[in-house]
N, C-alpha and C. Protein backbone atom coordinates (compact mmCIF):
# COMPACT_ATOMS: atom_id res chain seq x y z
N MET A 1 -5.16 -34.89 34.17
CA MET A 1 -4.66 -35.01 32.80
C MET A 1 -3.57 -33.96 32.58
N PRO A 2 -2.44 -34.34 32.02
CA PRO A 2 -1.39 -33.36 31.74
C PRO A 2 -1.77 -32.49 30.55
N SER A 3 -1.13 -31.34 30.45
CA SER A 3 -1.45 -30.43 29.37
C SER A 3 -0.87 -30.90 28.04
N SER A 4 -0.27 -32.09 28.01
CA SER A 4 0.19 -32.66 26.75
C SER A 4 -1.01 -32.95 25.83
N PHE A 5 -2.19 -32.89 26.40
CA PHE A 5 -3.41 -33.06 25.61
C PHE A 5 -3.46 -32.05 24.46
N PHE A 6 -2.90 -30.86 24.67
CA PHE A 6 -3.00 -29.78 23.69
C PHE A 6 -1.90 -29.81 22.64
N GLN A 7 -0.93 -30.71 22.78
CA GLN A 7 0.17 -30.74 21.82
C GLN A 7 -0.28 -30.91 20.37
N PRO A 8 -1.24 -31.78 20.08
CA PRO A 8 -1.68 -31.90 18.68
C PRO A 8 -2.31 -30.60 18.15
N PHE A 9 -2.85 -29.80 19.04
CA PHE A 9 -3.53 -28.58 18.63
C PHE A 9 -2.60 -27.36 18.66
N GLN A 10 -1.46 -27.53 19.30
CA GLN A 10 -0.51 -26.42 19.43
C GLN A 10 -0.07 -25.90 18.07
N LYS A 11 0.05 -26.80 17.10
CA LYS A 11 0.45 -26.42 15.75
C LYS A 11 -0.57 -25.44 15.15
N ASP A 12 -1.86 -25.70 15.36
CA ASP A 12 -2.90 -24.80 14.85
C ASP A 12 -2.82 -23.44 15.51
N PHE A 13 -2.60 -23.44 16.83
CA PHE A 13 -2.53 -22.17 17.56
C PHE A 13 -1.30 -21.38 17.11
N SER A 14 -0.18 -22.05 16.95
CA SER A 14 1.05 -21.38 16.50
C SER A 14 0.90 -20.85 15.08
N ALA A 15 0.16 -21.58 14.26
CA ALA A 15 -0.04 -21.16 12.87
C ALA A 15 -0.79 -19.83 12.80
N VAL A 16 -1.70 -19.59 13.73
CA VAL A 16 -2.44 -18.33 13.75
C VAL A 16 -1.49 -17.16 14.02
N VAL A 17 -0.60 -17.33 14.98
CA VAL A 17 0.37 -16.28 15.31
C VAL A 17 1.32 -16.05 14.14
N GLU A 18 1.80 -17.11 13.52
CA GLU A 18 2.71 -16.99 12.39
C GLU A 18 2.02 -16.33 11.19
N TRP A 19 0.76 -16.67 10.97
CA TRP A 19 0.01 -16.05 9.88
C TRP A 19 -0.08 -14.55 10.10
N LEU A 20 -0.39 -14.14 11.33
CA LEU A 20 -0.51 -12.71 11.61
C LEU A 20 0.84 -12.01 11.42
N ARG A 21 1.92 -12.63 11.87
CA ARG A 21 3.25 -12.05 11.66
C ARG A 21 3.53 -11.85 10.18
N HIS A 22 3.22 -12.87 9.39
CA HIS A 22 3.45 -12.79 7.94
C HIS A 22 2.60 -11.68 7.31
N GLU A 23 1.35 -11.60 7.71
CA GLU A 23 0.47 -10.57 7.18
C GLU A 23 0.97 -9.17 7.55
N PHE A 24 1.45 -9.02 8.77
CA PHE A 24 1.95 -7.72 9.21
C PHE A 24 3.21 -7.31 8.46
N GLN A 25 4.00 -8.27 8.02
CA GLN A 25 5.21 -7.94 7.27
C GLN A 25 4.87 -7.25 5.95
N SER A 26 3.72 -7.59 5.38
CA SER A 26 3.35 -7.01 4.09
C SER A 26 2.64 -5.67 4.23
N ILE A 27 2.46 -5.19 5.45
CA ILE A 27 1.84 -3.88 5.66
C ILE A 27 2.95 -2.85 5.82
N ARG A 28 2.87 -1.82 5.03
CA ARG A 28 3.92 -0.81 4.98
C ARG A 28 3.97 0.03 6.25
N THR A 29 5.19 0.30 6.71
CA THR A 29 5.35 1.08 7.94
C THR A 29 6.02 2.42 7.71
N GLY A 30 6.33 2.77 6.49
CA GLY A 30 6.98 4.05 6.24
C GLY A 30 8.33 3.87 5.58
N ARG A 31 8.87 2.68 5.64
CA ARG A 31 10.14 2.41 4.97
C ARG A 31 9.95 1.21 4.03
N ALA A 32 10.73 1.22 2.97
CA ALA A 32 10.62 0.18 1.96
C ALA A 32 11.10 -1.17 2.50
N SER A 33 10.43 -2.23 2.08
CA SER A 33 10.82 -3.58 2.44
C SER A 33 10.41 -4.51 1.29
N PRO A 34 11.27 -5.44 0.89
CA PRO A 34 10.93 -6.35 -0.20
C PRO A 34 9.64 -7.14 0.05
N VAL A 35 9.30 -7.35 1.30
CA VAL A 35 8.10 -8.12 1.64
C VAL A 35 6.83 -7.41 1.14
N LEU A 36 6.91 -6.11 0.94
CA LEU A 36 5.75 -5.35 0.47
C LEU A 36 5.28 -5.80 -0.91
N ILE A 37 6.21 -6.27 -1.73
CA ILE A 37 5.83 -6.61 -3.10
C ILE A 37 6.14 -8.04 -3.51
N ASP A 38 6.81 -8.82 -2.67
CA ASP A 38 7.26 -10.14 -3.13
C ASP A 38 6.13 -11.13 -3.41
N GLU A 39 4.94 -10.89 -2.88
CA GLU A 39 3.81 -11.80 -3.13
C GLU A 39 2.87 -11.31 -4.25
N ILE A 40 3.19 -10.20 -4.90
CA ILE A 40 2.36 -9.72 -6.01
C ILE A 40 2.42 -10.75 -7.13
N MET A 41 1.26 -11.14 -7.62
CA MET A 41 1.20 -12.18 -8.64
C MET A 41 1.56 -11.60 -10.02
N VAL A 42 2.44 -12.31 -10.72
CA VAL A 42 2.93 -11.90 -12.03
C VAL A 42 2.65 -13.04 -13.00
N GLU A 43 2.17 -12.69 -14.19
CA GLU A 43 1.97 -13.72 -15.22
C GLU A 43 3.12 -13.64 -16.21
N VAL A 44 3.91 -14.72 -16.24
CA VAL A 44 5.07 -14.78 -17.12
C VAL A 44 4.97 -16.06 -17.93
N TYR A 45 5.02 -15.92 -19.26
CA TYR A 45 4.92 -17.07 -20.17
C TYR A 45 3.66 -17.88 -19.90
N GLY A 46 2.57 -17.21 -19.55
CA GLY A 46 1.28 -17.87 -19.33
C GLY A 46 1.13 -18.52 -17.96
N VAL A 47 2.11 -18.37 -17.08
CA VAL A 47 2.07 -18.98 -15.76
C VAL A 47 2.09 -17.88 -14.70
N ARG A 48 1.14 -17.97 -13.74
CA ARG A 48 1.08 -16.97 -12.67
C ARG A 48 1.88 -17.46 -11.47
N GLY A 49 2.62 -16.51 -10.90
CA GLY A 49 3.40 -16.83 -9.72
C GLY A 49 3.77 -15.56 -8.98
N PRO A 50 4.23 -15.68 -7.74
CA PRO A 50 4.62 -14.49 -6.99
C PRO A 50 5.88 -13.86 -7.58
N LEU A 51 6.00 -12.57 -7.42
CA LEU A 51 7.13 -11.82 -7.98
C LEU A 51 8.47 -12.39 -7.55
N LYS A 52 8.56 -12.87 -6.32
CA LYS A 52 9.84 -13.37 -5.81
C LYS A 52 10.35 -14.59 -6.59
N GLN A 53 9.49 -15.22 -7.39
CA GLN A 53 9.93 -16.34 -8.22
C GLN A 53 10.59 -15.89 -9.51
N TYR A 54 10.34 -14.63 -9.90
CA TYR A 54 10.81 -14.15 -11.19
C TYR A 54 11.88 -13.07 -11.11
N ALA A 55 12.13 -12.54 -9.90
CA ALA A 55 13.08 -11.44 -9.79
C ALA A 55 13.63 -11.34 -8.38
N SER A 56 14.76 -10.66 -8.28
CA SER A 56 15.29 -10.35 -6.95
C SER A 56 14.81 -8.95 -6.58
N ILE A 57 14.53 -8.76 -5.32
CA ILE A 57 13.99 -7.48 -4.84
C ILE A 57 14.95 -6.97 -3.77
N SER A 58 15.39 -5.75 -3.93
CA SER A 58 16.28 -5.16 -2.93
C SER A 58 15.82 -3.75 -2.59
N VAL A 59 16.29 -3.25 -1.46
CA VAL A 59 15.94 -1.91 -1.01
C VAL A 59 17.00 -0.95 -1.53
N SER A 60 16.57 0.07 -2.25
CA SER A 60 17.49 1.07 -2.77
C SER A 60 17.67 2.20 -1.77
N ASP A 61 16.55 2.71 -1.25
CA ASP A 61 16.58 3.70 -0.17
C ASP A 61 15.27 3.58 0.62
N ALA A 62 14.99 4.50 1.50
CA ALA A 62 13.84 4.38 2.41
C ALA A 62 12.50 4.26 1.70
N ARG A 63 12.39 4.81 0.50
CA ARG A 63 11.12 4.76 -0.22
C ARG A 63 11.21 4.08 -1.58
N THR A 64 12.31 3.42 -1.87
CA THR A 64 12.50 2.84 -3.20
C THR A 64 12.97 1.40 -3.12
N LEU A 65 12.33 0.56 -3.93
CA LEU A 65 12.74 -0.84 -4.09
C LEU A 65 13.27 -1.03 -5.50
N LEU A 66 14.20 -1.93 -5.65
CA LEU A 66 14.78 -2.23 -6.95
C LEU A 66 14.45 -3.68 -7.29
N VAL A 67 13.79 -3.88 -8.43
CA VAL A 67 13.40 -5.22 -8.87
C VAL A 67 14.24 -5.59 -10.08
N GLN A 68 15.01 -6.68 -9.97
CA GLN A 68 15.85 -7.12 -11.07
C GLN A 68 15.40 -8.50 -11.53
N PRO A 69 14.71 -8.56 -12.69
CA PRO A 69 14.24 -9.85 -13.20
C PRO A 69 15.42 -10.76 -13.54
N TRP A 70 15.22 -12.07 -13.33
CA TRP A 70 16.27 -13.02 -13.66
C TRP A 70 16.30 -13.26 -15.16
N ASP A 71 15.18 -13.03 -15.82
CA ASP A 71 15.09 -13.15 -17.27
C ASP A 71 14.68 -11.78 -17.81
N ALA A 72 15.53 -11.15 -18.62
CA ALA A 72 15.28 -9.80 -19.10
C ALA A 72 13.97 -9.70 -19.90
N GLN A 73 13.53 -10.79 -20.50
CA GLN A 73 12.31 -10.75 -21.30
C GLN A 73 11.05 -10.64 -20.44
N THR A 74 11.18 -10.88 -19.15
CA THR A 74 10.02 -10.81 -18.25
C THR A 74 9.83 -9.40 -17.67
N LEU A 75 10.71 -8.47 -18.01
CA LEU A 75 10.68 -7.12 -17.45
C LEU A 75 9.31 -6.47 -17.65
N LYS A 76 8.78 -6.53 -18.84
CA LYS A 76 7.48 -5.89 -19.13
C LYS A 76 6.34 -6.54 -18.34
N ASP A 77 6.36 -7.86 -18.23
CA ASP A 77 5.32 -8.56 -17.48
C ASP A 77 5.35 -8.16 -16.01
N ILE A 78 6.55 -8.08 -15.45
CA ILE A 78 6.69 -7.70 -14.05
C ILE A 78 6.27 -6.26 -13.84
N GLU A 79 6.68 -5.38 -14.75
CA GLU A 79 6.29 -3.96 -14.62
C GLU A 79 4.77 -3.81 -14.70
N ARG A 80 4.13 -4.57 -15.59
CA ARG A 80 2.67 -4.52 -15.72
C ARG A 80 1.99 -4.96 -14.42
N ALA A 81 2.47 -6.05 -13.84
CA ALA A 81 1.88 -6.56 -12.60
C ALA A 81 2.05 -5.55 -11.46
N LEU A 82 3.20 -4.94 -11.38
CA LEU A 82 3.43 -3.94 -10.33
C LEU A 82 2.55 -2.72 -10.52
N SER A 83 2.39 -2.29 -11.76
CA SER A 83 1.55 -1.12 -12.05
C SER A 83 0.08 -1.39 -11.77
N GLN A 84 -0.35 -2.62 -12.00
CA GLN A 84 -1.76 -2.97 -11.80
C GLN A 84 -2.10 -3.29 -10.35
N SER A 85 -1.10 -3.45 -9.51
CA SER A 85 -1.40 -3.75 -8.11
C SER A 85 -2.07 -2.53 -7.48
N THR A 86 -2.85 -2.79 -6.46
CA THR A 86 -3.62 -1.72 -5.82
C THR A 86 -2.88 -1.11 -4.63
N ARG A 87 -1.57 -1.24 -4.63
CA ARG A 87 -0.80 -0.77 -3.47
C ARG A 87 -0.31 0.66 -3.61
N GLY A 88 -0.55 1.28 -4.75
CA GLY A 88 -0.27 2.71 -4.90
C GLY A 88 1.16 3.10 -5.15
N PHE A 89 2.00 2.20 -5.72
CA PHE A 89 3.36 2.65 -6.00
C PHE A 89 3.47 3.15 -7.43
N THR A 90 4.58 3.81 -7.67
CA THR A 90 4.95 4.27 -9.00
C THR A 90 6.09 3.38 -9.47
N THR A 91 6.02 2.93 -10.72
CA THR A 91 7.09 2.08 -11.24
C THR A 91 7.79 2.78 -12.39
N ALA A 92 9.07 2.53 -12.54
CA ALA A 92 9.85 3.09 -13.64
C ALA A 92 10.87 2.04 -14.09
N ALA A 93 10.77 1.63 -15.36
CA ALA A 93 11.73 0.68 -15.91
C ALA A 93 13.00 1.44 -16.26
N GLU A 94 14.12 0.95 -15.76
CA GLU A 94 15.42 1.59 -16.02
C GLU A 94 16.40 0.53 -16.50
N GLY A 95 16.43 0.31 -17.78
CA GLY A 95 17.33 -0.70 -18.34
C GLY A 95 16.89 -2.10 -17.97
N ALA A 96 17.74 -2.80 -17.21
CA ALA A 96 17.47 -4.20 -16.88
C ALA A 96 16.77 -4.36 -15.53
N HIS A 97 16.33 -3.27 -14.91
CA HIS A 97 15.62 -3.38 -13.64
C HIS A 97 14.46 -2.38 -13.56
N ILE A 98 13.63 -2.57 -12.55
CA ILE A 98 12.46 -1.70 -12.34
C ILE A 98 12.63 -1.04 -10.98
N ARG A 99 12.43 0.24 -10.95
CA ARG A 99 12.47 0.99 -9.70
C ARG A 99 11.03 1.18 -9.23
N VAL A 100 10.74 0.76 -8.01
CA VAL A 100 9.40 0.88 -7.43
C VAL A 100 9.48 1.96 -6.36
N ILE A 101 8.76 3.05 -6.58
CA ILE A 101 8.80 4.18 -5.65
C ILE A 101 7.51 4.17 -4.83
N LEU A 102 7.69 4.11 -3.52
CA LEU A 102 6.55 4.08 -2.61
C LEU A 102 6.12 5.51 -2.30
N PRO A 103 4.82 5.75 -2.21
CA PRO A 103 4.36 7.11 -1.91
C PRO A 103 4.72 7.51 -0.47
N GLU A 104 4.79 8.79 -0.23
CA GLU A 104 5.05 9.31 1.11
C GLU A 104 3.90 8.89 2.03
N MET A 105 4.25 8.50 3.24
CA MET A 105 3.21 8.11 4.20
C MET A 105 2.61 9.36 4.84
N THR A 106 1.35 9.60 4.56
CA THR A 106 0.64 10.72 5.17
C THR A 106 -0.12 10.19 6.38
N GLN A 107 -0.64 11.09 7.17
CA GLN A 107 -1.42 10.67 8.34
C GLN A 107 -2.65 9.88 7.89
N GLU A 108 -3.23 10.27 6.77
CA GLU A 108 -4.39 9.56 6.23
C GLU A 108 -4.02 8.12 5.84
N ASN A 109 -2.85 7.96 5.19
CA ASN A 109 -2.38 6.62 4.82
C ASN A 109 -2.13 5.78 6.06
N ARG A 110 -1.55 6.40 7.07
CA ARG A 110 -1.25 5.68 8.30
C ARG A 110 -2.54 5.17 8.96
N GLN A 111 -3.56 6.02 8.98
CA GLN A 111 -4.85 5.60 9.56
C GLN A 111 -5.46 4.46 8.76
N ALA A 112 -5.33 4.51 7.44
CA ALA A 112 -5.84 3.43 6.59
C ALA A 112 -5.08 2.13 6.88
N MET A 113 -3.79 2.23 7.08
CA MET A 113 -2.98 1.04 7.40
C MET A 113 -3.39 0.46 8.76
N ILE A 114 -3.71 1.32 9.70
CA ILE A 114 -4.13 0.85 11.02
C ILE A 114 -5.47 0.11 10.91
N LYS A 115 -6.36 0.58 10.02
CA LYS A 115 -7.63 -0.14 9.82
C LYS A 115 -7.37 -1.52 9.25
N VAL A 116 -6.44 -1.62 8.30
CA VAL A 116 -6.09 -2.92 7.72
C VAL A 116 -5.49 -3.81 8.82
N LEU A 117 -4.66 -3.22 9.64
CA LEU A 117 -4.03 -3.92 10.76
C LEU A 117 -5.10 -4.50 11.69
N SER A 118 -6.07 -3.68 12.03
CA SER A 118 -7.16 -4.12 12.92
C SER A 118 -7.97 -5.25 12.29
N ALA A 119 -8.22 -5.16 11.00
CA ALA A 119 -8.97 -6.21 10.31
C ALA A 119 -8.20 -7.53 10.34
N LYS A 120 -6.88 -7.48 10.12
CA LYS A 120 -6.06 -8.69 10.17
C LYS A 120 -6.05 -9.27 11.58
N HIS A 121 -5.98 -8.39 12.59
CA HIS A 121 -5.99 -8.85 13.98
C HIS A 121 -7.32 -9.55 14.29
N GLU A 122 -8.43 -8.96 13.86
CA GLU A 122 -9.74 -9.58 14.07
C GLU A 122 -9.82 -10.93 13.39
N GLN A 123 -9.29 -11.01 12.18
CA GLN A 123 -9.31 -12.27 11.44
C GLN A 123 -8.52 -13.34 12.19
N ALA A 124 -7.38 -12.96 12.75
CA ALA A 124 -6.57 -13.91 13.52
C ALA A 124 -7.32 -14.35 14.78
N LYS A 125 -7.98 -13.41 15.46
CA LYS A 125 -8.73 -13.76 16.66
C LYS A 125 -9.88 -14.71 16.33
N THR A 126 -10.54 -14.48 15.21
CA THR A 126 -11.64 -15.36 14.79
C THR A 126 -11.12 -16.77 14.51
N THR A 127 -10.01 -16.87 13.82
CA THR A 127 -9.41 -18.18 13.54
C THR A 127 -9.02 -18.88 14.83
N LEU A 128 -8.44 -18.13 15.76
CA LEU A 128 -8.07 -18.69 17.05
C LEU A 128 -9.30 -19.23 17.78
N ARG A 129 -10.37 -18.46 17.76
CA ARG A 129 -11.61 -18.92 18.42
C ARG A 129 -12.13 -20.19 17.77
N GLN A 130 -12.05 -20.29 16.45
CA GLN A 130 -12.50 -21.50 15.76
C GLN A 130 -11.67 -22.72 16.19
N HIS A 131 -10.36 -22.54 16.28
CA HIS A 131 -9.51 -23.64 16.74
C HIS A 131 -9.83 -24.00 18.19
N ARG A 132 -10.02 -22.98 19.03
CA ARG A 132 -10.34 -23.22 20.44
C ARG A 132 -11.66 -23.98 20.56
N ASP A 133 -12.66 -23.58 19.77
CA ASP A 133 -13.96 -24.25 19.81
C ASP A 133 -13.85 -25.70 19.35
N ALA A 134 -12.99 -25.97 18.37
CA ALA A 134 -12.79 -27.34 17.91
C ALA A 134 -12.17 -28.19 19.02
N VAL A 135 -11.22 -27.62 19.75
CA VAL A 135 -10.59 -28.35 20.85
C VAL A 135 -11.61 -28.57 21.97
N ARG A 136 -12.39 -27.54 22.25
CA ARG A 136 -13.42 -27.66 23.29
C ARG A 136 -14.43 -28.77 22.93
N GLU A 137 -14.79 -28.84 21.66
CA GLU A 137 -15.71 -29.89 21.20
C GLU A 137 -15.07 -31.27 21.35
N ASP A 138 -13.77 -31.35 21.07
CA ASP A 138 -13.04 -32.61 21.22
C ASP A 138 -13.03 -33.04 22.68
N ILE A 139 -12.83 -32.09 23.58
CA ILE A 139 -12.84 -32.40 25.02
C ILE A 139 -14.20 -32.95 25.43
N THR A 140 -15.26 -32.29 24.98
CA THR A 140 -16.62 -32.72 25.31
C THR A 140 -16.91 -34.11 24.75
N THR A 141 -16.46 -34.35 23.53
CA THR A 141 -16.66 -35.66 22.90
C THR A 141 -15.95 -36.75 23.68
N GLN A 142 -14.75 -36.47 24.15
CA GLN A 142 -14.01 -37.46 24.93
C GLN A 142 -14.68 -37.74 26.27
N GLU A 143 -15.28 -36.71 26.83
CA GLU A 143 -15.99 -36.94 28.10
C GLU A 143 -17.22 -37.82 27.87
N ARG A 144 -17.94 -37.54 26.79
CA ARG A 144 -19.15 -38.33 26.49
C ARG A 144 -18.81 -39.80 26.23
N SER A 145 -17.66 -40.02 25.62
CA SER A 145 -17.26 -41.40 25.32
C SER A 145 -16.50 -42.04 26.49
N LYS A 146 -16.52 -41.35 27.63
CA LYS A 146 -15.93 -41.85 28.88
C LYS A 146 -14.40 -42.04 28.81
N GLU A 147 -13.73 -41.31 27.90
CA GLU A 147 -12.27 -41.36 27.83
C GLU A 147 -11.65 -40.50 28.91
N ILE A 148 -12.38 -39.44 29.30
CA ILE A 148 -11.92 -38.57 30.38
C ILE A 148 -13.08 -38.34 31.35
N THR A 149 -12.76 -37.94 32.56
CA THR A 149 -13.80 -37.69 33.56
C THR A 149 -14.28 -36.25 33.46
N GLN A 150 -15.34 -35.97 34.19
CA GLN A 150 -15.89 -34.63 34.19
C GLN A 150 -14.88 -33.64 34.79
N ASP A 151 -14.18 -34.08 35.83
CA ASP A 151 -13.15 -33.24 36.43
C ASP A 151 -12.03 -32.93 35.43
N ASP A 152 -11.66 -33.95 34.66
CA ASP A 152 -10.64 -33.75 33.63
C ASP A 152 -11.12 -32.74 32.60
N ARG A 153 -12.39 -32.87 32.24
CA ARG A 153 -12.95 -31.94 31.27
C ARG A 153 -12.84 -30.50 31.77
N TYR A 154 -13.23 -30.26 33.00
CA TYR A 154 -13.17 -28.91 33.55
C TYR A 154 -11.72 -28.41 33.61
N GLN A 155 -10.82 -29.28 33.99
CA GLN A 155 -9.40 -28.90 34.06
C GLN A 155 -8.86 -28.58 32.66
N LEU A 156 -9.19 -29.41 31.69
CA LEU A 156 -8.72 -29.17 30.32
C LEU A 156 -9.31 -27.89 29.74
N GLN A 157 -10.59 -27.65 30.03
CA GLN A 157 -11.20 -26.42 29.53
C GLN A 157 -10.55 -25.18 30.17
N LYS A 158 -10.21 -25.30 31.44
CA LYS A 158 -9.54 -24.19 32.12
C LYS A 158 -8.16 -23.95 31.48
N GLU A 159 -7.41 -25.03 31.25
CA GLU A 159 -6.10 -24.91 30.60
C GLU A 159 -6.24 -24.35 29.19
N LEU A 160 -7.28 -24.79 28.49
CA LEU A 160 -7.52 -24.28 27.14
C LEU A 160 -7.80 -22.79 27.16
N ASP A 161 -8.61 -22.34 28.12
CA ASP A 161 -8.90 -20.91 28.24
C ASP A 161 -7.64 -20.11 28.54
N GLU A 162 -6.77 -20.66 29.40
CA GLU A 162 -5.51 -19.97 29.72
C GLU A 162 -4.61 -19.90 28.49
N LEU A 163 -4.52 -21.01 27.76
CA LEU A 163 -3.71 -21.04 26.55
C LEU A 163 -4.24 -20.05 25.51
N SER A 164 -5.55 -20.07 25.34
CA SER A 164 -6.18 -19.16 24.39
C SER A 164 -5.95 -17.70 24.77
N SER A 165 -6.06 -17.41 26.06
CA SER A 165 -5.83 -16.03 26.53
C SER A 165 -4.39 -15.59 26.28
N SER A 166 -3.45 -16.49 26.53
CA SER A 166 -2.05 -16.11 26.31
C SER A 166 -1.77 -15.86 24.83
N ILE A 167 -2.38 -16.63 23.96
CA ILE A 167 -2.19 -16.42 22.52
C ILE A 167 -2.86 -15.13 22.09
N GLN A 168 -4.04 -14.84 22.63
CA GLN A 168 -4.72 -13.58 22.29
C GLN A 168 -3.90 -12.39 22.77
N THR A 169 -3.26 -12.52 23.91
CA THR A 169 -2.38 -11.46 24.40
C THR A 169 -1.21 -11.26 23.45
N GLU A 170 -0.65 -12.35 22.97
CA GLU A 170 0.47 -12.27 22.02
C GLU A 170 0.02 -11.59 20.72
N LEU A 171 -1.18 -11.93 20.24
CA LEU A 171 -1.71 -11.29 19.04
C LEU A 171 -1.89 -9.80 19.25
N ALA A 172 -2.42 -9.42 20.41
CA ALA A 172 -2.62 -8.01 20.72
C ALA A 172 -1.29 -7.26 20.80
N GLU A 173 -0.28 -7.89 21.38
CA GLU A 173 1.04 -7.26 21.47
C GLU A 173 1.65 -7.07 20.09
N LEU A 174 1.51 -8.07 19.22
CA LEU A 174 2.00 -7.93 17.84
C LEU A 174 1.31 -6.77 17.14
N THR A 175 0.01 -6.68 17.32
CA THR A 175 -0.76 -5.62 16.68
C THR A 175 -0.34 -4.25 17.20
N GLN A 176 -0.20 -4.14 18.49
CA GLN A 176 0.19 -2.86 19.08
C GLN A 176 1.59 -2.45 18.63
N LYS A 177 2.50 -3.39 18.56
CA LYS A 177 3.87 -3.10 18.11
C LYS A 177 3.85 -2.60 16.67
N LYS A 178 3.09 -3.27 15.81
CA LYS A 178 3.03 -2.86 14.41
C LYS A 178 2.35 -1.50 14.27
N GLU A 179 1.35 -1.25 15.09
CA GLU A 179 0.67 0.05 15.06
C GLU A 179 1.65 1.16 15.43
N GLN A 180 2.50 0.92 16.41
CA GLN A 180 3.51 1.91 16.79
C GLN A 180 4.50 2.16 15.64
N GLU A 181 4.87 1.10 14.94
CA GLU A 181 5.76 1.24 13.78
C GLU A 181 5.11 2.12 12.70
N ILE A 182 3.83 1.91 12.48
CA ILE A 182 3.12 2.68 11.46
C ILE A 182 3.02 4.14 11.86
N LEU A 183 2.74 4.41 13.12
CA LEU A 183 2.55 5.79 13.57
C LEU A 183 3.87 6.55 13.75
N THR A 184 4.99 5.83 13.81
CA THR A 184 6.29 6.49 13.95
C THR A 184 6.65 7.17 12.63
N ILE A 185 6.94 8.44 12.74
CA ILE A 185 7.25 9.22 11.53
C ILE A 185 8.74 9.24 11.30
């Protein structure tokens, strides 16, 4: 059996890696990035949505972000949402924009970020295992229904294990790279 068997499942495996990349973008590494705050939920005119829907976010300097609402009347709502977030920034409204000041990264903060990083990595590995187990179950079901032979089953399971291992290696490399970014002063 060719490894094209895994093509329908490749999307699920790729989604795990992309999810981890996205999650890592929102973890602070010592320099300001709009991704740190663009998903903070803001309630404007009774509707909740991510900050990026209501304002533009730019980097002012290494520790400061500048948030410019598209509607000046939403300034207070955005400032309230930023202040209530549990990410530990300081906000200051300055005319038509909000300045978001990120705290200095201490060694203690860096260690806390690494714990969050490890938790996200574990979550990605768990999701990958769930997808792998679903594919393994599909292989077994096909063998029982005589769609594939026992030899095919063993070959597919071996290919699945190799694919799973390569994805786990990629997840570990992403985690290690992000950890190095966090520890770099």
